[in-house]
Amino acid sequence: MKHCRLLISICIAVLSTAPASAATKKVGQTGFQFLKIDMSTRAAGMGGSYITINDDATSMFYNPAGLALMQSKGDAFAMNTKWIADISYLGGGLAVSLGDYGTVGASWMIADYGNDFIGTRYWPSAPLGYIETGKLDVSAYTVGLSYATALTDRFYVGGQVKTCYQHLGQNYIDTLGTIRINELSGLAYDFGTIFYPGFKSFRIGMNIRNFAPEFKYEEEGFELPMTLVIGVAMDVLDLAGEHENSLLVSIDAVHPRDFTERVNVGAEYTYMKMLSLRAGYKYNYDNEGFTAGIGVQQKLGSALINIGYAYASMKYFDAVHRISVGIALQ
């Protein structure tokens, strides 16, 4: 109960520092939006409801405390997301167990915005009032280092520090042709916990992502998309006694800095630890809603190979597709 009270106290403290108005959508208040993209096919297929069931290298993108639940000696993965408007995200991670000393990991993600952005410059004598200055070089990435450990046999904690970078091309700032490079970088922090009260496989989790000081382009400051997530999950087949298959059900309550409260719901049925079918739904999102996915696991010697696919419907855009491959060393 001591750890449960600690978990609740942290959540209340963070919520008390957030804007109090839930009636108004807090849009346009944060930057570096690429930090909000799902970077796991398993999580994406389950509607993003993932902070209490992650137990591999993908934990670093959701709840770093999950690294402490990793059963393998080492775990690595890579995935690609075909996002809207021809945007792609490529990311991955590597985690290594240190035994009684915890688990360490490194993660990375690169945003590819394509090469179709054309820069312009005000030019009053031109027919349209401007001239083109060529293609803009636009990019973003994040790289993080994580650590997690078990404080008891039921309570797990983890954290991550990451550097975030964004480059938004360049522009002329005066008539003399002075060029300003629009780029920005800084550190952000993630922290999470997972607690097993002792009833079957039921667990409670909490995660704070993208905690950072204010960033600033020139004179305009903005915050990163800090998000507090509180979730619960359980293998509901535990209620029927011993079983070879599993049916995980997960629910996450999401409190983002730049939107009203959201709820992510997901489920995963796994047959004989070989085939997983996933589905989920994201409530109170402008575009996202139903999700689905599939995962296949195959053991090759001392290695366990994981291949995953996830589908996410979009209200105003084409559907989003994700693929991933991972390997765990037993």
C-alpha atoms as a PDB file:
ATOM      1  CA  MET A   1       0.000   0.000   0.000  1.00  0.00           C
ATOM      2  CA  LYS A   2       2.922   2.342   0.618  1.00  0.00           C
ATOM      3  CA  HIS A   3       3.912   2.172  -3.055  1.00  0.00           C
ATOM      4  CA  CYS A   4       0.311   2.596  -4.168  1.00  0.00           C
ATOM      5  CA  ARG A   5      -0.010   5.779  -2.068  1.00  0.00           C
ATOM      6  CA  LEU A   6       3.241   7.068  -3.558  1.00  0.00           C
ATOM      7  CA  LEU A   7       1.925   6.435  -7.067  1.00  0.00           C
ATOM      8  CA  ILE A   8      -1.309   8.297  -6.352  1.00  0.00           C
ATOM      9  CA  SER A   9       0.540  11.222  -4.731  1.00  0.00           C
ATOM     10  CA  ILE A  10       2.749  11.695  -7.789  1.00  0.00           C
ATOM     11  CA  CYS A  11      -0.260  11.686 -10.102  1.00  0.00           C
ATOM     12  CA  ILE A  12      -2.096  14.283  -7.989  1.00  0.00           C
ATOM     13  CA  ALA A  13       0.974  16.515  -7.851  1.00  0.00           C
ATOM     14  CA  VAL A  14       1.380  16.501 -11.627  1.00  0.00           C
ATOM     15  CA  LEU A  15      -2.317  17.045 -12.284  1.00  0.00           C
ATOM     16  CA  SER A  16      -2.337  20.022  -9.937  1.00  0.00           C
ATOM     17  CA  THR A  17       0.280  21.796 -12.100  1.00  0.00           C
ATOM     18  CA  ALA A  18      -1.677  21.313 -15.341  1.00  0.00           C
ATOM     19  CA  PRO A  19      -4.230  23.790 -16.731  1.00  0.00           C
ATOM     20  CA  ALA A  20      -7.517  23.407 -14.874  1.00  0.00           C
ATOM     21  CA  SER A  21      -9.910  23.990 -17.769  1.00  0.00           C
ATOM     22  CA  ALA A  22     -11.120  20.731 -19.303  1.00  0.00           C
ATOM     23  CA  ALA A  23     -13.963  22.356 -21.224  1.00  0.00           C
ATOM     24  CA  THR A  24     -11.678  23.970 -23.799  1.00  0.00           C
ATOM     25  CA  LYS A  25      -9.424  22.064 -26.138  1.00  0.00           C
ATOM     26  CA  LYS A  26      -5.899  23.190 -25.327  1.00  0.00           C
ATOM     27  CA  VAL A  27      -4.707  22.987 -28.928  1.00  0.00           C
ATOM     28  CA  GLY A  28      -1.697  24.827 -30.337  1.00  0.00           C
ATOM     29  CA  GLN A  29       0.115  25.014 -27.007  1.00  0.00           C
ATOM     30  CA  THR A  30       2.992  22.621 -27.629  1.00  0.00           C
ATOM     31  CA  GLY A  31       5.660  21.912 -30.217  1.00  0.00           C
ATOM     32  CA  PHE A  32       7.776  18.908 -31.198  1.00  0.00           C
ATOM     33  CA  GLN A  33       4.617  16.954 -32.008  1.00  0.00           C
ATOM     34  CA  PHE A  34       6.652  14.016 -33.328  1.00  0.00           C
ATOM     35  CA  LEU A  35       7.230  13.009 -29.692  1.00  0.00           C
ATOM     36  CA  LYS A  36       3.576  11.872 -29.488  1.00  0.00           C
ATOM     37  CA  ILE A  37       3.759   9.229 -32.253  1.00  0.00           C
ATOM     38  CA  ASP A  38       3.210   5.568 -31.272  1.00  0.00           C
ATOM     39  CA  MET A  39       6.497   3.715 -31.693  1.00  0.00           C
ATOM     40  CA  SER A  40       5.365   0.121 -31.111  1.00  0.00           C
ATOM     41  CA  THR A  41       3.133  -1.981 -33.341  1.00  0.00           C
ATOM     42  CA  ARG A  42       1.865  -3.786 -30.262  1.00  0.00           C
ATOM     43  CA  ALA A  43       0.925  -0.530 -28.558  1.00  0.00           C
ATOM     44  CA  ALA A  44      -0.515   1.016 -31.731  1.00  0.00           C
ATOM     45  CA  GLY A  45      -2.666  -2.060 -32.374  1.00  0.00           C
ATOM     46  CA  MET A  46      -4.046  -1.811 -28.832  1.00  0.00           C
ATOM     47  CA  GLY A  47      -5.145   1.795 -29.174  1.00  0.00           C
ATOM     48  CA  GLY A  48      -2.045   3.155 -27.458  1.00  0.00           C
ATOM     49  CA  SER A  49      -3.134   1.582 -24.157  1.00  0.00           C
ATOM     50  CA  TYR A  50       0.260   0.272 -23.189  1.00  0.00           C
ATOM     51  CA  ILE A  51       1.869   1.782 -20.086  1.00  0.00           C
ATOM     52  CA  THR A  52       1.245  -1.238 -17.836  1.00  0.00           C
ATOM     53  CA  ILE A  53       1.874  -4.149 -20.224  1.00  0.00           C
ATOM     54  CA  ASN A  54       5.178  -3.231 -21.865  1.00  0.00           C
ATOM     55  CA  ASP A  55       8.059  -5.503 -20.869  1.00  0.00           C
ATOM     56  CA  ASP A  56      10.687  -5.061 -23.580  1.00  0.00           C
ATOM     57  CA  ALA A  57      12.701  -2.371 -25.378  1.00  0.00           C
ATOM     58  CA  THR A  58       9.528  -0.626 -26.599  1.00  0.00           C
ATOM     59  CA  SER A  59       8.949   0.399 -22.956  1.00  0.00           C
ATOM     60  CA  MET A  60      11.251   3.374 -23.473  1.00  0.00           C
ATOM     61  CA  PHE A  61       8.616   5.065 -25.647  1.00  0.00           C
ATOM     62  CA  TYR A  62       5.754   4.490 -23.176  1.00  0.00           C
ATOM     63  CA  ASN A  63       6.782   3.670 -19.636  1.00  0.00           C
ATOM     64  CA  PRO A  64      10.485   3.048 -18.906  1.00  0.00           C
ATOM     65  CA  ALA A  65       9.540   1.120 -15.763  1.00  0.00           C
ATOM     66  CA  GLY A  66       8.552  -1.746 -18.072  1.00  0.00           C
ATOM     67  CA  LEU A  67      12.235  -2.408 -18.744  1.00  0.00           C
ATOM     68  CA  ALA A  68      12.488  -3.868 -15.235  1.00  0.00           C
ATOM     69  CA  LEU A  69       9.952  -6.553 -16.248  1.00  0.00           C
ATOM     70  CA  MET A  70      12.035  -7.708 -19.215  1.00  0.00           C
ATOM     71  CA  GLN A  71      12.585 -11.478 -19.085  1.00  0.00           C
ATOM     72  CA  SER A  72      15.337 -11.683 -21.711  1.00  0.00           C
ATOM     73  CA  LYS A  73      19.019 -10.838 -21.420  1.00  0.00           C
ATOM     74  CA  GLY A  74      18.745  -8.356 -24.243  1.00  0.00           C
ATOM     75  CA  ASP A  75      16.000  -6.992 -26.470  1.00  0.00           C
ATOM     76  CA  ALA A  76      16.085  -4.882 -29.626  1.00  0.00           C
ATOM     77  CA  PHE A  77      13.513  -3.658 -32.116  1.00  0.00           C
ATOM     78  CA  ALA A  78      13.057  -1.371 -35.097  1.00  0.00           C
ATOM     79  CA  MET A  79       9.848  -0.078 -36.635  1.00  0.00           C
ATOM     80  CA  ASN A  80       8.579   2.137 -39.414  1.00  0.00           C
ATOM     81  CA  THR A  81       5.409   4.230 -39.407  1.00  0.00           C
ATOM     82  CA  LYS A  82       3.783   5.490 -42.603  1.00  0.00           C
ATOM     83  CA  TRP A  83       2.083   8.560 -41.206  1.00  0.00           C
ATOM     84  CA  ILE A  84      -0.262  11.029 -42.885  1.00  0.00           C
ATOM     85  CA  ALA A  85       0.816  13.442 -45.662  1.00  0.00           C
ATOM     86  CA  ASP A  86       3.670  11.137 -46.763  1.00  0.00           C
ATOM     87  CA  ILE A  87       5.451  11.603 -43.422  1.00  0.00           C
ATOM     88  CA  SER A  88       7.408   8.619 -42.099  1.00  0.00           C
ATOM     89  CA  TYR A  89       8.835   7.828 -38.671  1.00  0.00           C
ATOM     90  CA  LEU A  90      11.659   5.353 -38.158  1.00  0.00           C
ATOM     91  CA  GLY A  91      12.688   4.311 -34.677  1.00  0.00           C
ATOM     92  CA  GLY A  92      13.970   1.575 -32.450  1.00  0.00           C
ATOM     93  CA  GLY A  93      15.631   0.643 -29.226  1.00  0.00           C
ATOM     94  CA  LEU A  94      18.043  -1.680 -27.455  1.00  0.00           C
ATOM     95  CA  ALA A  95      17.750  -2.845 -23.837  1.00  0.00           C
ATOM     96  CA  VAL A  96      20.146  -4.980 -21.791  1.00  0.00           C
ATOM     97  CA  SER A  97      19.461  -6.636 -18.448  1.00  0.00           C
ATOM     98  CA  LEU A  98      22.064  -6.117 -15.711  1.00  0.00           C
ATOM     99  CA  GLY A  99      20.525  -8.741 -13.447  1.00  0.00           C
ATOM    100  CA  ASP A 100      20.062  -7.495  -9.890  1.00  0.00           C
ATOM    101  CA  TYR A 101      21.375  -4.082 -10.964  1.00  0.00           C
ATOM    102  CA  GLY A 102      18.398  -3.298 -13.183  1.00  0.00           C
ATOM    103  CA  THR A 103      18.021  -2.764 -16.933  1.00  0.00           C
ATOM    104  CA  VAL A 104      19.517  -0.111 -19.207  1.00  0.00           C
ATOM    105  CA  GLY A 105      18.408   0.906 -22.671  1.00  0.00           C
ATOM    106  CA  ALA A 106      18.847   3.325 -25.551  1.00  0.00           C
ATOM    107  CA  SER A 107      16.137   4.519 -27.927  1.00  0.00           C
ATOM    108  CA  TRP A 108      15.966   6.654 -31.056  1.00  0.00           C
ATOM    109  CA  MET A 109      13.427   8.038 -33.482  1.00  0.00           C
ATOM    110  CA  ILE A 110      13.791  10.004 -36.727  1.00  0.00           C
ATOM    111  CA  ALA A 111      11.042  11.974 -38.468  1.00  0.00           C
ATOM    112  CA  ASP A 112      11.151  12.073 -42.257  1.00  0.00           C
ATOM    113  CA  TYR A 113       8.960  14.911 -43.544  1.00  0.00           C
ATOM    114  CA  GLY A 114       9.837  14.385 -47.206  1.00  0.00           C
ATOM    115  CA  ASN A 115      11.326  16.885 -49.669  1.00  0.00           C
ATOM    116  CA  ASP A 116       8.204  18.679 -50.875  1.00  0.00           C
ATOM    117  CA  PHE A 117       8.493  21.828 -48.763  1.00  0.00           C
ATOM    118  CA  ILE A 118       9.292  24.900 -50.853  1.00  0.00           C
ATOM    119  CA  GLY A 119      10.552  28.045 -49.178  1.00  0.00           C
ATOM    120  CA  THR A 120       9.414  31.523 -50.228  1.00  0.00           C
ATOM    121  CA  ARG A 121      10.644  35.056 -49.662  1.00  0.00           C
ATOM    122  CA  TYR A 122       8.748  38.317 -49.768  1.00  0.00           C
ATOM    123  CA  TRP A 123       9.526  40.098 -53.038  1.00  0.00           C
ATOM    124  CA  PRO A 124       7.178  43.018 -53.840  1.00  0.00           C
ATOM    125  CA  SER A 125       8.174  43.314 -57.508  1.00  0.00           C
ATOM    126  CA  ALA A 126       7.335  39.656 -58.251  1.00  0.00           C
ATOM    127  CA  PRO A 127       3.916  38.953 -59.875  1.00  0.00           C
ATOM    128  CA  LEU A 128       2.701  37.086 -56.768  1.00  0.00           C
ATOM    129  CA  GLY A 129       4.568  39.209 -54.252  1.00  0.00           C
ATOM    130  CA  TYR A 130       7.104  36.513 -53.408  1.00  0.00           C
ATOM    131  CA  ILE A 131       9.800  34.332 -54.941  1.00  0.00           C
ATOM    132  CA  GLU A 132      10.708  30.727 -54.239  1.00  0.00           C
ATOM    133  CA  THR A 133      13.967  30.060 -52.408  1.00  0.00           C
ATOM    134  CA  GLY A 134      14.223  26.322 -53.046  1.00  0.00           C
ATOM    135  CA  LYS A 135      13.399  23.218 -51.041  1.00  0.00           C
ATOM    136  CA  LEU A 136      13.425  23.427 -47.274  1.00  0.00           C
ATOM    137  CA  ASP A 137      15.458  20.967 -45.242  1.00  0.00           C
ATOM    138  CA  VAL A 138      13.048  19.893 -42.473  1.00  0.00           C
ATOM    139  CA  SER A 139      13.896  17.146 -39.976  1.00  0.00           C
ATOM    140  CA  ALA A 140      13.556  16.017 -36.368  1.00  0.00           C
ATOM    141  CA  TYR A 141      14.865  13.290 -34.096  1.00  0.00           C
ATOM    142  CA  THR A 142      15.122  12.163 -30.498  1.00  0.00           C
ATOM    143  CA  VAL A 143      17.684   9.917 -28.760  1.00  0.00           C
ATOM    144  CA  GLY A 144      17.238   8.649 -25.206  1.00  0.00           C
ATOM    145  CA  LEU A 145      18.940   6.674 -22.432  1.00  0.00           C
ATOM    146  CA  SER A 146      16.852   4.729 -19.934  1.00  0.00           C
ATOM    147  CA  TYR A 147      17.223   2.863 -16.658  1.00  0.00           C
ATOM    148  CA  ALA A 148      14.710   0.751 -14.713  1.00  0.00           C
ATOM    149  CA  THR A 149      14.798  -1.413 -11.638  1.00  0.00           C
ATOM    150  CA  ALA A 150      12.558  -3.330  -9.228  1.00  0.00           C
ATOM    151  CA  LEU A 151      12.240  -1.708  -5.805  1.00  0.00           C
ATOM    152  CA  THR A 152      10.321  -4.753  -4.556  1.00  0.00           C
ATOM    153  CA  ASP A 153       8.876  -7.843  -6.196  1.00  0.00           C
ATOM    154  CA  ARG A 154       5.738  -5.800  -6.961  1.00  0.00           C
ATOM    155  CA  PHE A 155       6.905  -2.230  -7.528  1.00  0.00           C
ATOM    156  CA  TYR A 156       8.988  -1.137 -10.542  1.00  0.00           C
ATOM    157  CA  VAL A 157      10.351   2.283 -11.484  1.00  0.00           C
ATOM    158  CA  GLY A 158      12.142   3.651 -14.504  1.00  0.00           C
ATOM    159  CA  GLY A 159      13.270   6.865 -16.119  1.00  0.00           C
ATOM    160  CA  GLN A 160      14.617   8.211 -19.372  1.00  0.00           C
ATOM    161  CA  VAL A 161      16.540  11.301 -20.395  1.00  0.00           C
ATOM    162  CA  LYS A 162      16.436  12.184 -24.080  1.00  0.00           C
ATOM    163  CA  THR A 163      17.689  14.881 -26.384  1.00  0.00           C
ATOM    164  CA  CYS A 164      15.131  16.266 -28.839  1.00  0.00           C
ATOM    165  CA  TYR A 165      16.052  18.122 -32.021  1.00  0.00           C
ATOM    166  CA  GLN A 166      14.075  19.873 -34.741  1.00  0.00           C
ATOM    167  CA  HIS A 167      15.264  21.660 -37.890  1.00  0.00           C
ATOM    168  CA  LEU A 168      12.764  23.835 -39.783  1.00  0.00           C
ATOM    169  CA  GLY A 169      14.926  25.031 -42.657  1.00  0.00           C
ATOM    170  CA  GLN A 170      16.264  28.545 -42.974  1.00  0.00           C
ATOM    171  CA  ASN A 171      14.963  31.984 -43.853  1.00  0.00           C
ATOM    172  CA  TYR A 172      16.112  35.506 -44.719  1.00  0.00           C
ATOM    173  CA  ILE A 173      15.653  37.987 -41.883  1.00  0.00           C
ATOM    174  CA  ASP A 174      16.534  41.245 -43.697  1.00  0.00           C
ATOM    175  CA  THR A 175      17.000  42.757 -47.160  1.00  0.00           C
ATOM    176  CA  LEU A 176      20.760  42.213 -46.950  1.00  0.00           C
ATOM    177  CA  GLY A 177      20.295  38.480 -47.350  1.00  0.00           C
ATOM    178  CA  THR A 178      21.133  37.513 -43.763  1.00  0.00           C
ATOM    179  CA  ILE A 179      20.132  33.886 -43.235  1.00  0.00           C
ATOM    180  CA  ARG A 180      18.790  32.446 -39.990  1.00  0.00           C
ATOM    181  CA  ILE A 181      18.924  28.681 -39.386  1.00  0.00           C
ATOM    182  CA  ASN A 182      15.740  27.544 -37.663  1.00  0.00           C
ATOM    183  CA  GLU A 183      16.840  24.704 -35.406  1.00  0.00           C
ATOM    184  CA  LEU A 184      16.328  23.884 -31.769  1.00  0.00           C
ATOM    185  CA  SER A 185      17.345  21.145 -29.351  1.00  0.00           C
ATOM    186  CA  GLY A 186      17.092  20.362 -25.667  1.00  0.00           C
ATOM    187  CA  LEU A 187      16.597  17.698 -23.029  1.00  0.00           C
ATOM    188  CA  ALA A 188      13.323  16.076 -21.955  1.00  0.00           C
ATOM    189  CA  TYR A 189      12.582  13.524 -19.260  1.00  0.00           C
ATOM    190  CA  ASP A 190      10.244  10.548 -18.806  1.00  0.00           C
ATOM    191  CA  PHE A 191       9.405   8.792 -15.555  1.00  0.00           C
ATOM    192  CA  GLY A 192       7.174   5.823 -14.844  1.00  0.00           C
ATOM    193  CA  THR A 193       6.084   3.198 -12.332  1.00  0.00           C
ATOM    194  CA  ILE A 194       4.275  -0.149 -12.434  1.00  0.00           C
ATOM    195  CA  PHE A 195       2.708  -1.688  -9.321  1.00  0.00           C
ATOM    196  CA  TYR A 196       1.203  -5.171  -8.808  1.00  0.00           C
ATOM    197  CA  PRO A 197      -1.229  -5.064  -5.838  1.00  0.00           C
ATOM    198  CA  GLY A 198      -1.264  -8.873  -5.584  1.00  0.00           C
ATOM    199  CA  PHE A 199      -4.506  -9.828  -7.317  1.00  0.00           C
ATOM    200  CA  LYS A 200      -3.724 -12.219 -10.181  1.00  0.00           C
ATOM    201  CA  SER A 201      -1.944 -10.310 -12.994  1.00  0.00           C
ATOM    202  CA  PHE A 202      -3.713  -7.015 -12.290  1.00  0.00           C
ATOM    203  CA  ARG A 203      -1.386  -4.021 -12.299  1.00  0.00           C
ATOM    204  CA  ILE A 204      -1.478  -0.236 -12.096  1.00  0.00           C
ATOM    205  CA  GLY A 205       0.913   2.069 -13.916  1.00  0.00           C
ATOM    206  CA  MET A 206       1.766   5.747 -14.168  1.00  0.00           C
ATOM    207  CA  ASN A 207       3.946   7.603 -16.630  1.00  0.00           C
ATOM    208  CA  ILE A 208       4.970  11.213 -17.226  1.00  0.00           C
ATOM    209  CA  ARG A 209       6.407  11.824 -20.699  1.00  0.00           C
ATOM    210  CA  ASN A 210       8.189  14.817 -22.236  1.00  0.00           C
ATOM    211  CA  PHE A 211       8.746  16.787 -19.038  1.00  0.00           C
ATOM    212  CA  ALA A 212      11.029  19.685 -19.986  1.00  0.00           C
ATOM    213  CA  PRO A 213      11.609  23.416 -19.549  1.00  0.00           C
ATOM    214  CA  GLU A 214      10.226  25.852 -22.105  1.00  0.00           C
ATOM    215  CA  PHE A 215      11.762  25.785 -25.580  1.00  0.00           C
ATOM    216  CA  LYS A 216      11.988  28.958 -27.677  1.00  0.00           C
ATOM    217  CA  TYR A 217      12.252  29.884 -31.359  1.00  0.00           C
ATOM    218  CA  GLU A 218      13.450  33.503 -31.444  1.00  0.00           C
ATOM    219  CA  GLU A 219      10.999  35.328 -29.153  1.00  0.00           C
ATOM    220  CA  GLU A 220       8.222  32.731 -29.103  1.00  0.00           C
ATOM    221  CA  GLY A 221       8.356  30.131 -26.351  1.00  0.00           C
ATOM    222  CA  PHE A 222       6.479  26.835 -26.256  1.00  0.00           C
ATOM    223  CA  GLU A 223       6.247  23.683 -24.179  1.00  0.00           C
ATOM    224  CA  LEU A 224       6.859  20.088 -25.189  1.00  0.00           C
ATOM    225  CA  PRO A 225       3.775  17.816 -25.319  1.00  0.00           C
ATOM    226  CA  MET A 226       4.033  16.645 -21.711  1.00  0.00           C
ATOM    227  CA  THR A 227       1.537  13.882 -20.975  1.00  0.00           C
ATOM    228  CA  LEU A 228       0.472  12.117 -17.794  1.00  0.00           C
ATOM    229  CA  VAL A 229      -0.946   8.618 -18.239  1.00  0.00           C
ATOM    230  CA  ILE A 230      -2.489   6.413 -15.551  1.00  0.00           C
ATOM    231  CA  GLY A 231      -3.433   2.886 -16.582  1.00  0.00           C
ATOM    232  CA  VAL A 232      -4.539  -0.558 -15.464  1.00  0.00           C
ATOM    233  CA  ALA A 233      -4.272  -3.941 -17.163  1.00  0.00           C
ATOM    234  CA  MET A 234      -4.924  -7.608 -16.536  1.00  0.00           C
ATOM    235  CA  ASP A 235      -4.917 -10.968 -18.262  1.00  0.00           C
ATOM    236  CA  VAL A 236      -8.619 -11.724 -17.774  1.00  0.00           C
ATOM    237  CA  LEU A 237      -8.099 -15.442 -18.459  1.00  0.00           C
ATOM    238  CA  ASP A 238      -6.380 -15.572 -15.059  1.00  0.00           C
ATOM    239  CA  LEU A 239      -9.867 -15.549 -13.577  1.00  0.00           C
ATOM    240  CA  ALA A 240     -10.458 -18.995 -15.108  1.00  0.00           C
ATOM    241  CA  GLY A 241      -7.338 -20.539 -13.581  1.00  0.00           C
ATOM    242  CA  GLU A 242      -4.241 -21.870 -15.334  1.00  0.00           C
ATOM    243  CA  HIS A 243      -4.176 -21.408 -19.111  1.00  0.00           C
ATOM    244  CA  GLU A 244      -1.764 -21.553 -22.047  1.00  0.00           C
ATOM    245  CA  ASN A 245      -3.236 -18.582 -23.898  1.00  0.00           C
ATOM    246  CA  SER A 246      -3.790 -15.021 -22.684  1.00  0.00           C
ATOM    247  CA  LEU A 247      -6.273 -12.191 -23.141  1.00  0.00           C
ATOM    248  CA  LEU A 248      -4.797  -8.906 -21.980  1.00  0.00           C
ATOM    249  CA  VAL A 249      -7.181  -5.994 -21.446  1.00  0.00           C
ATOM    250  CA  SER A 250      -5.732  -2.547 -20.862  1.00  0.00           C
ATOM    251  CA  ILE A 251      -7.196   0.901 -20.144  1.00  0.00           C
ATOM    252  CA  ASP A 252      -5.189   4.147 -19.996  1.00  0.00           C
ATOM    253  CA  ALA A 253      -6.465   7.545 -18.861  1.00  0.00           C
ATOM    254  CA  VAL A 254      -4.467  10.218 -20.693  1.00  0.00           C
ATOM    255  CA  HIS A 255      -4.000  13.806 -19.519  1.00  0.00           C
ATOM    256  CA  PRO A 256      -2.124  15.722 -22.265  1.00  0.00           C
ATOM    257  CA  ARG A 257      -0.890  19.285 -21.936  1.00  0.00           C
ATOM    258  CA  ASP A 258      -2.318  20.282 -25.326  1.00  0.00           C
ATOM    259  CA  PHE A 259      -5.757  18.629 -25.341  1.00  0.00           C
ATOM    260  CA  THR A 260      -8.578  17.572 -23.062  1.00  0.00           C
ATOM    261  CA  GLU A 261      -8.539  14.207 -21.291  1.00  0.00           C
ATOM    262  CA  ARG A 262      -8.503  11.075 -23.418  1.00  0.00           C
ATOM    263  CA  VAL A 263      -9.012   7.353 -22.871  1.00  0.00           C
ATOM    264  CA  ASN A 264      -7.173   4.547 -24.672  1.00  0.00           C
ATOM    265  CA  VAL A 265      -8.625   1.028 -24.543  1.00  0.00           C
ATOM    266  CA  GLY A 266      -6.985  -2.098 -25.945  1.00  0.00           C
ATOM    267  CA  ALA A 267      -7.004  -5.887 -25.912  1.00  0.00           C
ATOM    268  CA  GLU A 268      -4.595  -8.583 -27.072  1.00  0.00           C
ATOM    269  CA  TYR A 269      -5.333 -12.289 -27.457  1.00  0.00           C
ATOM    270  CA  THR A 270      -2.220 -14.464 -27.667  1.00  0.00           C
ATOM    271  CA  TYR A 271      -2.379 -18.097 -28.776  1.00  0.00           C
ATOM    272  CA  MET A 272       0.345 -20.426 -27.498  1.00  0.00           C
ATOM    273  CA  LYS A 273       2.805 -17.523 -27.231  1.00  0.00           C
ATOM    274  CA  MET A 274       3.085 -17.572 -31.027  1.00  0.00           C
ATOM    275  CA  LEU A 275       0.285 -15.470 -32.511  1.00  0.00           C
ATOM    276  CA  SER A 276      -1.208 -12.272 -31.100  1.00  0.00           C
ATOM    277  CA  LEU A 277      -4.353 -10.497 -32.319  1.00  0.00           C
ATOM    278  CA  ARG A 278      -4.880  -6.923 -31.139  1.00  0.00           C
ATOM    279  CA  ALA A 279      -7.581  -4.282 -31.238  1.00  0.00           C
ATOM    280  CA  GLY A 280      -8.217  -0.975 -29.533  1.00  0.00           C
ATOM    281  CA  TYR A 281      -9.902   2.378 -29.604  1.00  0.00           C
ATOM    282  CA  LYS A 282      -8.778   5.937 -28.835  1.00  0.00           C
ATOM    283  CA  TYR A 283     -11.528   8.085 -27.333  1.00  0.00           C
ATOM    284  CA  ASN A 284     -11.719  11.887 -27.655  1.00  0.00           C
ATOM    285  CA  TYR A 285      -9.204  12.235 -30.490  1.00  0.00           C
ATOM    286  CA  ASP A 286      -9.793  14.538 -33.462  1.00  0.00           C
ATOM    287  CA  ASN A 287      -8.623  12.024 -36.053  1.00  0.00           C
ATOM    288  CA  GLU A 288      -7.631   8.720 -34.475  1.00  0.00           C
ATOM    289  CA  GLY A 289     -10.103   6.035 -33.399  1.00  0.00           C
ATOM    290  CA  PHE A 290     -10.180   2.298 -34.127  1.00  0.00           C
ATOM    291  CA  THR A 291      -6.917   0.348 -34.229  1.00  0.00           C
ATOM    292  CA  ALA A 292      -5.957  -3.260 -34.906  1.00  0.00           C
ATOM    293  CA  GLY A 293      -2.821  -5.328 -35.249  1.00  0.00           C
ATOM    294  CA  ILE A 294      -1.162  -8.705 -35.379  1.00  0.00           C
ATOM    295  CA  GLY A 295       2.080 -10.093 -34.007  1.00  0.00           C
ATOM    296  CA  VAL A 296       3.982 -13.303 -34.698  1.00  0.00           C
ATOM    297  CA  GLN A 297       6.690 -14.793 -32.499  1.00  0.00           C
ATOM    298  CA  GLN A 298       9.090 -17.544 -33.510  1.00  0.00           C
ATOM    299  CA  LYS A 299      11.944 -19.016 -31.494  1.00  0.00           C
ATOM    300  CA  LEU A 300      15.230 -19.596 -33.311  1.00  0.00           C
ATOM    301  CA  GLY A 301      17.799 -21.162 -31.011  1.00  0.00           C
ATOM    302  CA  SER A 302      18.298 -18.805 -28.088  1.00  0.00           C
ATOM    303  CA  ALA A 303      16.624 -15.908 -29.893  1.00  0.00           C
ATOM    304  CA  LEU A 304      12.944 -14.998 -30.066  1.00  0.00           C
ATOM    305  CA  ILE A 305      11.964 -13.168 -33.262  1.00  0.00           C
ATOM    306  CA  ASN A 306       8.969 -10.827 -33.210  1.00  0.00           C
ATOM    307  CA  ILE A 307       7.265  -9.390 -36.292  1.00  0.00           C
ATOM    308  CA  GLY A 308       4.362  -6.991 -35.917  1.00  0.00           C
ATOM    309  CA  TYR A 309       1.882  -4.970 -37.948  1.00  0.00           C
ATOM    310  CA  ALA A 310      -0.583  -2.307 -36.814  1.00  0.00           C
ATOM    311  CA  TYR A 311      -3.417  -0.450 -38.520  1.00  0.00           C
ATOM    312  CA  ALA A 312      -4.950   2.819 -37.324  1.00  0.00           C
ATOM    313  CA  SER A 313      -8.007   4.452 -38.863  1.00  0.00           C
ATOM    314  CA  MET A 314      -8.074   8.215 -39.446  1.00  0.00           C
ATOM    315  CA  LYS A 315     -11.180  10.371 -39.711  1.00  0.00           C
ATOM    316  CA  TYR A 316      -9.817  12.928 -42.176  1.00  0.00           C
ATOM    317  CA  PHE A 317      -6.774  11.154 -43.641  1.00  0.00           C
ATOM    318  CA  ASP A 318      -5.742   7.807 -45.066  1.00  0.00           C
ATOM    319  CA  ALA A 319      -5.183   4.997 -42.580  1.00  0.00           C
ATOM    320  CA  VAL A 320      -1.787   4.718 -40.870  1.00  0.00           C
ATOM    321  CA  HIS A 321       0.273   1.524 -41.188  1.00  0.00           C
ATOM    322  CA  ARG A 322       3.151   0.364 -39.016  1.00  0.00           C
ATOM    323  CA  ILE A 323       5.532  -2.588 -39.244  1.00  0.00           C
ATOM    324  CA  SER A 324       8.170  -3.746 -36.779  1.00  0.00           C
ATOM    325  CA  VAL A 325      10.729  -6.455 -36.175  1.00  0.00           C
ATOM    326  CA  GLY A 326      12.336  -7.365 -32.880  1.00  0.00           C
ATOM    327  CA  ILE A 327      14.685  -9.888 -31.354  1.00  0.00           C
ATOM    328  CA  ALA A 328      15.024 -11.032 -27.739  1.00  0.00           C
ATOM    329  CA  LEU A 329      17.978 -13.085 -26.486  1.00  0.00           C
ATOM    330  CA  GLN A 330      16.845 -15.633 -23.902  1.00  0.00           C
END
